[in-house]
Amino acid sequence: MENKILNKDDFLYPRGRYYGQVKPENLVFNANLQEFAQRVSYICNLETGGKLPPGEAYKQIRDLWKQLKHSKKELRIGEDPFQDDQGEVEG
């Protein structure tokens, strides 16, 4: 059996493979989305275990959601790649 030393961050914040269209903005958003999911999981576990009040858990998750939405907007995920900044189709 092979002994493999894991980095603490790799253990605490595992990353899954990305199978979508490989573009820099997609890879960055995927990393942000995975971090969001991991942090929400930790917050939920803390709340379930009684270490975090429900209101505080909700506030933290809401703040994380706002950060993720801002990231999506800044990276222009889901927008038509052939539109310019004014919404006109380039051609």
PDB file of N, CA and C in Angstrom:
ATOM      1  N   MET A   1       0.835  -1.172   0.000  1.00  0.00           N
ATOM      2  CA  MET A   1       0.000   0.000   0.000  1.00  0.00           C
ATOM      3  C   MET A   1       0.886   1.244   0.000  1.00  0.00           C
ATOM      4  N   GLU A   2       0.545   2.176  -0.829  1.00  0.00           N
ATOM      5  CA  GLU A   2       1.332   3.392  -0.979  1.00  0.00           C
ATOM      6  C   GLU A   2       0.924   4.412   0.074  1.00  0.00           C
ATOM      7  N   ASN A   3       1.923   4.945   0.793  1.00  0.00           N
ATOM      8  CA  ASN A   3       1.655   6.003   1.764  1.00  0.00           C
ATOM      9  C   ASN A   3       1.684   7.330   1.043  1.00  0.00           C
ATOM     10  N   LYS A   4       0.610   8.059   1.166  1.00  0.00           N
ATOM     11  CA  LYS A   4       0.513   9.343   0.484  1.00  0.00           C
ATOM     12  C   LYS A   4       0.275  10.423   1.535  1.00  0.00           C
ATOM     13  N   ILE A   5       1.159  11.388   1.618  1.00  0.00           N
ATOM     14  CA  ILE A   5       1.007  12.484   2.565  1.00  0.00           C
ATOM     15  C   ILE A   5       0.110  13.532   1.933  1.00  0.00           C
ATOM     16  N   LEU A   6      -0.973  13.866   2.629  1.00  0.00           N
ATOM     17  CA  LEU A   6      -1.913  14.850   2.131  1.00  0.00           C
ATOM     18  C   LEU A   6      -1.610  16.224   2.721  1.00  0.00           C
ATOM     19  N   ASN A   7      -1.710  17.211   1.898  1.00  0.00           N
ATOM     20  CA  ASN A   7      -1.627  18.579   2.349  1.00  0.00           C
ATOM     21  C   ASN A   7      -2.896  18.875   3.143  1.00  0.00           C
ATOM     22  N   LYS A   8      -2.772  19.614   4.241  1.00  0.00           N
ATOM     23  CA  LYS A   8      -3.938  19.936   5.074  1.00  0.00           C
ATOM     24  C   LYS A   8      -5.023  20.629   4.256  1.00  0.00           C
ATOM     25  N   ASP A   9      -4.639  21.571   3.385  1.00  0.00           N
ATOM     26  CA  ASP A   9      -5.617  22.289   2.576  1.00  0.00           C
ATOM     27  C   ASP A   9      -6.301  21.368   1.572  1.00  0.00           C
ATOM     28  N   ASP A  10      -5.569  20.417   1.017  1.00  0.00           N
ATOM     29  CA  ASP A  10      -6.174  19.454   0.094  1.00  0.00           C
ATOM     30  C   ASP A  10      -7.198  18.583   0.819  1.00  0.00           C
ATOM     31  N   PHE A  11      -6.919  18.292   2.078  1.00  0.00           N
ATOM     32  CA  PHE A  11      -7.848  17.482   2.863  1.00  0.00           C
ATOM     33  C   PHE A  11      -9.092  18.279   3.241  1.00  0.00           C
ATOM     34  N   LEU A  12      -8.882  19.504   3.710  1.00  0.00           N
ATOM     35  CA  LEU A  12     -10.000  20.328   4.167  1.00  0.00           C
ATOM     36  C   LEU A  12     -10.813  20.926   3.022  1.00  0.00           C
ATOM     37  N   TYR A  13     -10.153  21.210   1.907  1.00  0.00           N
ATOM     38  CA  TYR A  13     -10.811  21.851   0.770  1.00  0.00           C
ATOM     39  C   TYR A  13     -10.563  21.051  -0.512  1.00  0.00           C
ATOM     40  N   PRO A  14     -11.154  19.863  -0.614  1.00  0.00           N
ATOM     41  CA  PRO A  14     -10.907  19.050  -1.812  1.00  0.00           C
ATOM     42  C   PRO A  14     -11.489  19.706  -3.060  1.00  0.00           C
ATOM     43  N   ARG A  15     -10.869  19.472  -4.184  1.00  0.00           N
ATOM     44  CA  ARG A  15     -11.329  20.010  -5.461  1.00  0.00           C
ATOM     45  C   ARG A  15     -11.680  18.859  -6.380  1.00  0.00           C
ATOM     46  N   GLY A  16     -12.807  18.999  -7.064  1.00  0.00           N
ATOM     47  CA  GLY A  16     -13.202  18.003  -8.050  1.00  0.00           C
ATOM     48  C   GLY A  16     -12.693  18.411  -9.425  1.00  0.00           C
ATOM     49  N   ARG A  17     -12.630  17.450 -10.317  1.00  0.00           N
ATOM     50  CA  ARG A  17     -12.224  17.748 -11.695  1.00  0.00           C
ATOM     51  C   ARG A  17     -13.278  18.573 -12.390  1.00  0.00           C
ATOM     52  N   TYR A  18     -12.857  19.342 -13.369  1.00  0.00           N
ATOM     53  CA  TYR A  18     -13.771  20.156 -14.156  1.00  0.00           C
ATOM     54  C   TYR A  18     -13.921  19.507 -15.519  1.00  0.00           C
ATOM     55  N   TYR A  19     -15.169  19.249 -15.935  1.00  0.00           N
ATOM     56  CA  TYR A  19     -15.429  18.571 -17.192  1.00  0.00           C
ATOM     57  C   TYR A  19     -16.098  19.467 -18.226  1.00  0.00           C
ATOM     58  N   GLY A  20     -16.313  20.733 -17.904  1.00  0.00           N
ATOM     59  CA  GLY A  20     -17.008  21.634 -18.823  1.00  0.00           C
ATOM     60  C   GLY A  20     -16.080  22.199 -19.888  1.00  0.00           C
ATOM     61  N   GLN A  21     -16.590  23.220 -20.566  1.00  0.00           N
ATOM     62  CA  GLN A  21     -15.815  23.895 -21.603  1.00  0.00           C
ATOM     63  C   GLN A  21     -14.634  24.604 -20.938  1.00  0.00           C
ATOM     64  N   VAL A  22     -13.424  24.285 -21.389  1.00  0.00           N
ATOM     65  CA  VAL A  22     -12.227  24.800 -20.746  1.00  0.00           C
ATOM     66  C   VAL A  22     -11.928  26.214 -21.249  1.00  0.00           C
ATOM     67  N   LYS A  23     -12.287  27.167 -20.408  1.00  0.00           N
ATOM     68  CA  LYS A  23     -11.966  28.575 -20.626  1.00  0.00           C
ATOM     69  C   LYS A  23     -11.537  29.106 -19.268  1.00  0.00           C
ATOM     70  N   PRO A  24     -10.621  30.060 -19.224  1.00  0.00           N
ATOM     71  CA  PRO A  24     -10.133  30.554 -17.930  1.00  0.00           C
ATOM     72  C   PRO A  24     -11.252  30.992 -16.985  1.00  0.00           C
ATOM     73  N   GLU A  25     -12.244  31.725 -17.518  1.00  0.00           N
ATOM     74  CA  GLU A  25     -13.309  32.210 -16.639  1.00  0.00           C
ATOM     75  C   GLU A  25     -14.157  31.061 -16.092  1.00  0.00           C
ATOM     76  N   ASN A  26     -14.340  30.004 -16.873  1.00  0.00           N
ATOM     77  CA  ASN A  26     -15.093  28.840 -16.393  1.00  0.00           C
ATOM     78  C   ASN A  26     -14.334  28.113 -15.291  1.00  0.00           C
ATOM     79  N   LEU A  27     -13.023  27.985 -15.451  1.00  0.00           N
ATOM     80  CA  LEU A  27     -12.211  27.316 -14.436  1.00  0.00           C
ATOM     81  C   LEU A  27     -12.207  28.097 -13.132  1.00  0.00           C
ATOM     82  N   VAL A  28     -12.102  29.423 -13.227  1.00  0.00           N
ATOM     83  CA  VAL A  28     -12.107  30.260 -12.029  1.00  0.00           C
ATOM     84  C   VAL A  28     -13.463  30.166 -11.332  1.00  0.00           C
ATOM     85  N   PHE A  29     -14.551  30.252 -12.113  1.00  0.00           N
ATOM     86  CA  PHE A  29     -15.870  30.168 -11.493  1.00  0.00           C
ATOM     87  C   PHE A  29     -16.092  28.801 -10.870  1.00  0.00           C
ATOM     88  N   ASN A  30     -15.630  27.740 -11.518  1.00  0.00           N
ATOM     89  CA  ASN A  30     -15.766  26.406 -10.951  1.00  0.00           C
ATOM     90  C   ASN A  30     -15.051  26.306  -9.611  1.00  0.00           C
ATOM     91  N   ALA A  31     -13.860  26.879  -9.528  1.00  0.00           N
ATOM     92  CA  ALA A  31     -13.126  26.877  -8.254  1.00  0.00           C
ATOM     93  C   ALA A  31     -13.902  27.665  -7.198  1.00  0.00           C
ATOM     94  N   ASN A  32     -14.459  28.810  -7.587  1.00  0.00           N
ATOM     95  CA  ASN A  32     -15.261  29.610  -6.651  1.00  0.00           C
ATOM     96  C   ASN A  32     -16.497  28.839  -6.199  1.00  0.00           C
ATOM     97  N   LEU A  33     -17.131  28.140  -7.124  1.00  0.00           N
ATOM     98  CA  LEU A  33     -18.331  27.366  -6.800  1.00  0.00           C
ATOM     99  C   LEU A  33     -18.012  26.219  -5.841  1.00  0.00           C
ATOM    100  N   GLN A  34     -16.900  25.554  -6.060  1.00  0.00           N
ATOM    101  CA  GLN A  34     -16.505  24.466  -5.166  1.00  0.00           C
ATOM    102  C   GLN A  34     -16.182  24.998  -3.771  1.00  0.00           C
ATOM    103  N   GLU A  35     -15.522  26.150  -3.718  1.00  0.00           N
ATOM    104  CA  GLU A  35     -15.218  26.750  -2.409  1.00  0.00           C
ATOM    105  C   GLU A  35     -16.520  27.146  -1.706  1.00  0.00           C
ATOM    106  N   PHE A  36     -17.468  27.713  -2.444  1.00  0.00           N
ATOM    107  CA  PHE A  36     -18.767  28.076  -1.882  1.00  0.00           C
ATOM    108  C   PHE A  36     -19.437  26.844  -1.274  1.00  0.00           C
ATOM    109  N   ALA A  37     -19.487  25.758  -2.021  1.00  0.00           N
ATOM    110  CA  ALA A  37     -20.140  24.538  -1.548  1.00  0.00           C
ATOM    111  C   ALA A  37     -19.461  24.000  -0.294  1.00  0.00           C
ATOM    112  N   GLN A  38     -18.142  24.023  -0.282  1.00  0.00           N
ATOM    113  CA  GLN A  38     -17.402  23.506   0.872  1.00  0.00           C
ATOM    114  C   GLN A  38     -17.666  24.357   2.106  1.00  0.00           C
ATOM    115  N   ARG A  39     -17.658  25.675   1.937  1.00  0.00           N
ATOM    116  CA  ARG A  39     -17.872  26.561   3.079  1.00  0.00           C
ATOM    117  C   ARG A  39     -19.313  26.476   3.590  1.00  0.00           C
ATOM    118  N   VAL A  40     -20.281  26.348   2.681  1.00  0.00           N
ATOM    119  CA  VAL A  40     -21.670  26.173   3.108  1.00  0.00           C
ATOM    120  C   VAL A  40     -21.807  24.879   3.906  1.00  0.00           C
ATOM    121  N   SER A  41     -21.133  23.841   3.464  1.00  0.00           N
ATOM    122  CA  SER A  41     -21.175  22.569   4.187  1.00  0.00           C
ATOM    123  C   SER A  41     -20.638  22.730   5.608  1.00  0.00           C
ATOM    124  N   TYR A  42     -19.522  23.422   5.765  1.00  0.00           N
ATOM    125  CA  TYR A  42     -18.962  23.651   7.100  1.00  0.00           C
ATOM    126  C   TYR A  42     -19.917  24.464   7.969  1.00  0.00           C
ATOM    127  N   ILE A  43     -20.497  25.514   7.401  1.00  0.00           N
ATOM    128  CA  ILE A  43     -21.428  26.356   8.159  1.00  0.00           C
ATOM    129  C   ILE A  43     -22.637  25.534   8.603  1.00  0.00           C
ATOM    130  N   CYS A  44     -23.175  24.724   7.700  1.00  0.00           N
ATOM    131  CA  CYS A  44     -24.329  23.874   8.047  1.00  0.00           C
ATOM    132  C   CYS A  44     -23.975  22.895   9.157  1.00  0.00           C
ATOM    133  N   ASN A  45     -22.784  22.321   9.076  1.00  0.00           N
ATOM    134  CA  ASN A  45     -22.370  21.367  10.112  1.00  0.00           C
ATOM    135  C   ASN A  45     -22.192  22.058  11.458  1.00  0.00           C
ATOM    136  N   LEU A  46     -21.630  23.261  11.454  1.00  0.00           N
ATOM    137  CA  LEU A  46     -21.480  24.011  12.702  1.00  0.00           C
ATOM    138  C   LEU A  46     -22.845  24.359  13.295  1.00  0.00           C
ATOM    139  N   GLU A  47     -23.779  24.745  12.440  1.00  0.00           N
ATOM    140  CA  GLU A  47     -25.128  25.089  12.917  1.00  0.00           C
ATOM    141  C   GLU A  47     -25.835  23.845  13.449  1.00  0.00           C
ATOM    142  N   THR A  48     -25.723  22.737  12.739  1.00  0.00           N
ATOM    143  CA  THR A  48     -26.352  21.494  13.172  1.00  0.00           C
ATOM    144  C   THR A  48     -25.774  21.026  14.511  1.00  0.00           C
ATOM    145  N   GLY A  49     -24.479  21.228  14.689  1.00  0.00           N
ATOM    146  CA  GLY A  49     -23.820  20.820  15.929  1.00  0.00           C
ATOM    147  C   GLY A  49     -24.005  21.797  17.079  1.00  0.00           C
ATOM    148  N   GLY A  50     -24.733  22.877  16.849  1.00  0.00           N
ATOM    149  CA  GLY A  50     -24.995  23.830  17.916  1.00  0.00           C
ATOM    150  C   GLY A  50     -23.875  24.810  18.171  1.00  0.00           C
ATOM    151  N   LYS A  51     -22.895  24.859  17.303  1.00  0.00           N
ATOM    152  CA  LYS A  51     -21.754  25.760  17.486  1.00  0.00           C
ATOM    153  C   LYS A  51     -21.976  27.133  16.857  1.00  0.00           C
ATOM    154  N   LEU A  52     -23.037  27.242  16.057  1.00  0.00           N
ATOM    155  CA  LEU A  52     -23.329  28.484  15.344  1.00  0.00           C
ATOM    156  C   LEU A  52     -24.841  28.697  15.370  1.00  0.00           C
ATOM    157  N   PRO A  53     -25.293  29.875  15.792  1.00  0.00           N
ATOM    158  CA  PRO A  53     -26.740  30.121  15.807  1.00  0.00           C
ATOM    159  C   PRO A  53     -27.315  30.134  14.389  1.00  0.00           C
ATOM    160  N   PRO A  54     -28.566  29.718  14.227  1.00  0.00           N
ATOM    161  CA  PRO A  54     -29.176  29.669  12.895  1.00  0.00           C
ATOM    162  C   PRO A  54     -29.127  31.004  12.152  1.00  0.00           C
ATOM    163  N   GLY A  55     -29.383  32.097  12.839  1.00  0.00           N
ATOM    164  CA  GLY A  55     -29.358  33.412  12.195  1.00  0.00           C
ATOM    165  C   GLY A  55     -27.982  33.761  11.661  1.00  0.00           C
ATOM    166  N   GLU A  56     -26.944  33.439  12.417  1.00  0.00           N
ATOM    167  CA  GLU A  56     -25.579  33.708  11.985  1.00  0.00           C
ATOM    168  C   GLU A  56     -25.207  32.809  10.804  1.00  0.00           C
ATOM    169  N   ALA A  57     -25.643  31.545  10.844  1.00  0.00           N
ATOM    170  CA  ALA A  57     -25.387  30.630   9.728  1.00  0.00           C
ATOM    171  C   ALA A  57     -26.034  31.171   8.456  1.00  0.00           C
ATOM    172  N   TYR A  58     -27.278  31.620   8.580  1.00  0.00           N
ATOM    173  CA  TYR A  58     -27.980  32.181   7.425  1.00  0.00           C
ATOM    174  C   TYR A  58     -27.234  33.394   6.880  1.00  0.00           C
ATOM    175  N   LYS A  59     -26.799  34.289   7.763  1.00  0.00           N
ATOM    176  CA  LYS A  59     -26.088  35.501   7.334  1.00  0.00           C
ATOM    177  C   LYS A  59     -24.790  35.143   6.603  1.00  0.00           C
ATOM    178  N   GLN A  60     -24.051  34.195   7.144  1.00  0.00           N
ATOM    179  CA  GLN A  60     -22.792  33.805   6.505  1.00  0.00           C
ATOM    180  C   GLN A  60     -23.035  33.188   5.134  1.00  0.00           C
ATOM    181  N   ILE A  61     -24.058  32.332   5.025  1.00  0.00           N
ATOM    182  CA  ILE A  61     -24.353  31.704   3.734  1.00  0.00           C
ATOM    183  C   ILE A  61     -24.847  32.751   2.743  1.00  0.00           C
ATOM    184  N   ARG A  62     -25.673  33.684   3.206  1.00  0.00           N
ATOM    185  CA  ARG A  62     -26.151  34.765   2.330  1.00  0.00           C
ATOM    186  C   ARG A  62     -24.973  35.593   1.806  1.00  0.00           C
ATOM    187  N   ASP A  63     -24.014  35.906   2.685  1.00  0.00           N
ATOM    188  CA  ASP A  63     -22.842  36.669   2.259  1.00  0.00           C
ATOM    189  C   ASP A  63     -22.003  35.890   1.243  1.00  0.00           C
ATOM    190  N   LEU A  64     -21.846  34.594   1.476  1.00  0.00           N
ATOM    191  CA  LEU A  64     -21.110  33.759   0.516  1.00  0.00           C
ATOM    192  C   LEU A  64     -21.826  33.731  -0.833  1.00  0.00           C
ATOM    193  N   TRP A  65     -23.164  33.659  -0.813  1.00  0.00           N
ATOM    194  CA  TRP A  65     -23.948  33.645  -2.044  1.00  0.00           C
ATOM    195  C   TRP A  65     -23.748  34.945  -2.819  1.00  0.00           C
ATOM    196  N   LYS A  66     -23.741  36.073  -2.094  1.00  0.00           N
ATOM    197  CA  LYS A  66     -23.528  37.359  -2.753  1.00  0.00           C
ATOM    198  C   LYS A  66     -22.152  37.411  -3.407  1.00  0.00           C
ATOM    199  N   GLN A  67     -21.149  36.872  -2.729  1.00  0.00           N
ATOM    200  CA  GLN A  67     -19.797  36.832  -3.298  1.00  0.00           C
ATOM    201  C   GLN A  67     -19.776  35.986  -4.564  1.00  0.00           C
ATOM    202  N   LEU A  68     -20.471  34.851  -4.535  1.00  0.00           N
ATOM    203  CA  LEU A  68     -20.499  33.962  -5.698  1.00  0.00           C
ATOM    204  C   LEU A  68     -21.214  34.638  -6.870  1.00  0.00           C
ATOM    205  N   LYS A  69     -22.339  35.316  -6.605  1.00  0.00           N
ATOM    206  CA  LYS A  69     -23.047  36.036  -7.656  1.00  0.00           C
ATOM    207  C   LYS A  69     -22.184  37.137  -8.254  1.00  0.00           C
ATOM    208  N   HIS A  70     -21.450  37.840  -7.400  1.00  0.00           N
ATOM    209  CA  HIS A  70     -20.561  38.903  -7.884  1.00  0.00           C
ATOM    210  C   HIS A  70     -19.468  38.304  -8.771  1.00  0.00           C
ATOM    211  N   SER A  71     -18.931  37.165  -8.357  1.00  0.00           N
ATOM    212  CA  SER A  71     -17.907  36.478  -9.145  1.00  0.00           C
ATOM    213  C   SER A  71     -18.452  36.096 -10.512  1.00  0.00           C
ATOM    214  N   LYS A  72     -19.682  35.571 -10.545  1.00  0.00           N
ATOM    215  CA  LYS A  72     -20.311  35.169 -11.805  1.00  0.00           C
ATOM    216  C   LYS A  72     -20.478  36.370 -12.724  1.00  0.00           C
ATOM    217  N   LYS A  73     -20.911  37.477 -12.152  1.00  0.00           N
ATOM    218  CA  LYS A  73     -21.112  38.686 -12.949  1.00  0.00           C
ATOM    219  C   LYS A  73     -19.784  39.221 -13.482  1.00  0.00           C
ATOM    220  N   GLU A  74     -18.771  39.278 -12.637  1.00  0.00           N
ATOM    221  CA  GLU A  74     -17.460  39.792 -13.045  1.00  0.00           C
ATOM    222  C   GLU A  74     -16.818  38.922 -14.125  1.00  0.00           C
ATOM    223  N   LEU A  75     -17.020  37.600 -14.034  1.00  0.00           N
ATOM    224  CA  LEU A  75     -16.433  36.676 -15.008  1.00  0.00           C
ATOM    225  C   LEU A  75     -17.287  36.544 -16.266  1.00  0.00           C
ATOM    226  N   ARG A  76     -18.479  37.158 -16.241  1.00  0.00           N
ATOM    227  CA  ARG A  76     -19.420  37.138 -17.369  1.00  0.00           C
ATOM    228  C   ARG A  76     -19.830  35.712 -17.742  1.00  0.00           C
ATOM    229  N   ILE A  77     -20.066  34.897 -16.709  1.00  0.00           N
ATOM    230  CA  ILE A  77     -20.502  33.518 -16.914  1.00  0.00           C
ATOM    231  C   ILE A  77     -21.967  33.537 -17.335  1.00  0.00           C
ATOM    232  N   GLY A  78     -22.301  32.812 -18.403  1.00  0.00           N
ATOM    233  CA  GLY A  78     -23.678  32.710 -18.854  1.00  0.00           C
ATOM    234  C   GLY A  78     -24.100  33.788 -19.827  1.00  0.00           C
ATOM    235  N   GLU A  79     -23.212  34.723 -20.115  1.00  0.00           N
ATOM    236  CA  GLU A  79     -23.548  35.775 -21.075  1.00  0.00           C
ATOM    237  C   GLU A  79     -23.194  35.321 -22.484  1.00  0.00           C
ATOM    238  N   ASP A  80     -23.835  35.936 -23.474  1.00  0.00           N
ATOM    239  CA  ASP A  80     -23.531  35.644 -24.869  1.00  0.00           C
ATOM    240  C   ASP A  80     -22.125  36.167 -25.175  1.00  0.00           C
ATOM    241  N   PRO A  81     -21.198  35.292 -25.561  1.00  0.00           N
ATOM    242  CA  PRO A  81     -19.827  35.745 -25.790  1.00  0.00           C
ATOM    243  C   PRO A  81     -19.675  36.657 -27.003  1.00  0.00           C
ATOM    244  N   PHE A  82     -20.710  36.743 -27.847  1.00  0.00           N
ATOM    245  CA  PHE A  82     -20.623  37.573 -29.043  1.00  0.00           C
ATOM    246  C   PHE A  82     -21.270  38.936 -28.853  1.00  0.00           C
ATOM    247  N   GLN A  83     -21.684  39.237 -27.614  1.00  0.00           N
ATOM    248  CA  GLN A  83     -22.250  40.552 -27.340  1.00  0.00           C
ATOM    249  C   GLN A  83     -21.165  41.459 -26.796  1.00  0.00           C
ATOM    250  N   ASP A  84     -21.221  42.725 -27.200  1.00  0.00           N
ATOM    251  CA  ASP A  84     -20.300  43.698 -26.634  1.00  0.00           C
ATOM    252  C   ASP A  84     -20.907  44.231 -25.332  1.00  0.00           C
ATOM    253  N   ASP A  85     -20.284  45.240 -24.733  1.00  0.00           N
ATOM    254  CA  ASP A  85     -20.731  45.770 -23.470  1.00  0.00           C
ATOM    255  C   ASP A  85     -22.100  46.432 -23.528  1.00  0.00           C
ATOM    256  N   GLN A  86     -22.550  46.865 -24.713  1.00  0.00           N
ATOM    257  CA  GLN A  86     -23.849  47.509 -24.854  1.00  0.00           C
ATOM    258  C   GLN A  86     -24.957  46.517 -25.223  1.00  0.00           C
ATOM    259  N   GLY A  87     -24.650  45.236 -25.312  1.00  0.00           N
ATOM    260  CA  GLY A  87     -25.656  44.235 -25.639  1.00  0.00           C
ATOM    261  C   GLY A  87     -25.833  44.019 -27.135  1.00  0.00           C
ATOM    262  N   GLU A  88     -25.025  44.683 -27.954  1.00  0.00           N
ATOM    263  CA  GLU A  88     -25.088  44.535 -29.393  1.00  0.00           C
ATOM    264  C   GLU A  88     -24.322  43.298 -29.815  1.00  0.00           C
ATOM    265  N   VAL A  89     -24.816  42.584 -30.814  1.00  0.00           N
ATOM    266  CA  VAL A  89     -24.130  41.405 -31.327  1.00  0.00           C
ATOM    267  C   VAL A  89     -23.022  41.864 -32.265  1.00  0.00           C
ATOM    268  N   GLU A  90     -21.793  41.395 -31.936  1.00  0.00           N
ATOM    269  CA  GLU A  90     -20.651  41.741 -32.781  1.00  0.00           C
ATOM    270  C   GLU A  90     -20.672  40.845 -34.012  1.00  0.00           C
ATOM    271  N   GLY A  91     -20.247  41.360 -35.112  1.00  0.00           N
ATOM    272  CA  GLY A  91     -20.293  40.485 -36.260  1.00  0.00           C
ATOM    273  C   GLY A  91     -19.515  41.002 -37.347  1.00  0.00           C
TER     274      GLY A  91
END
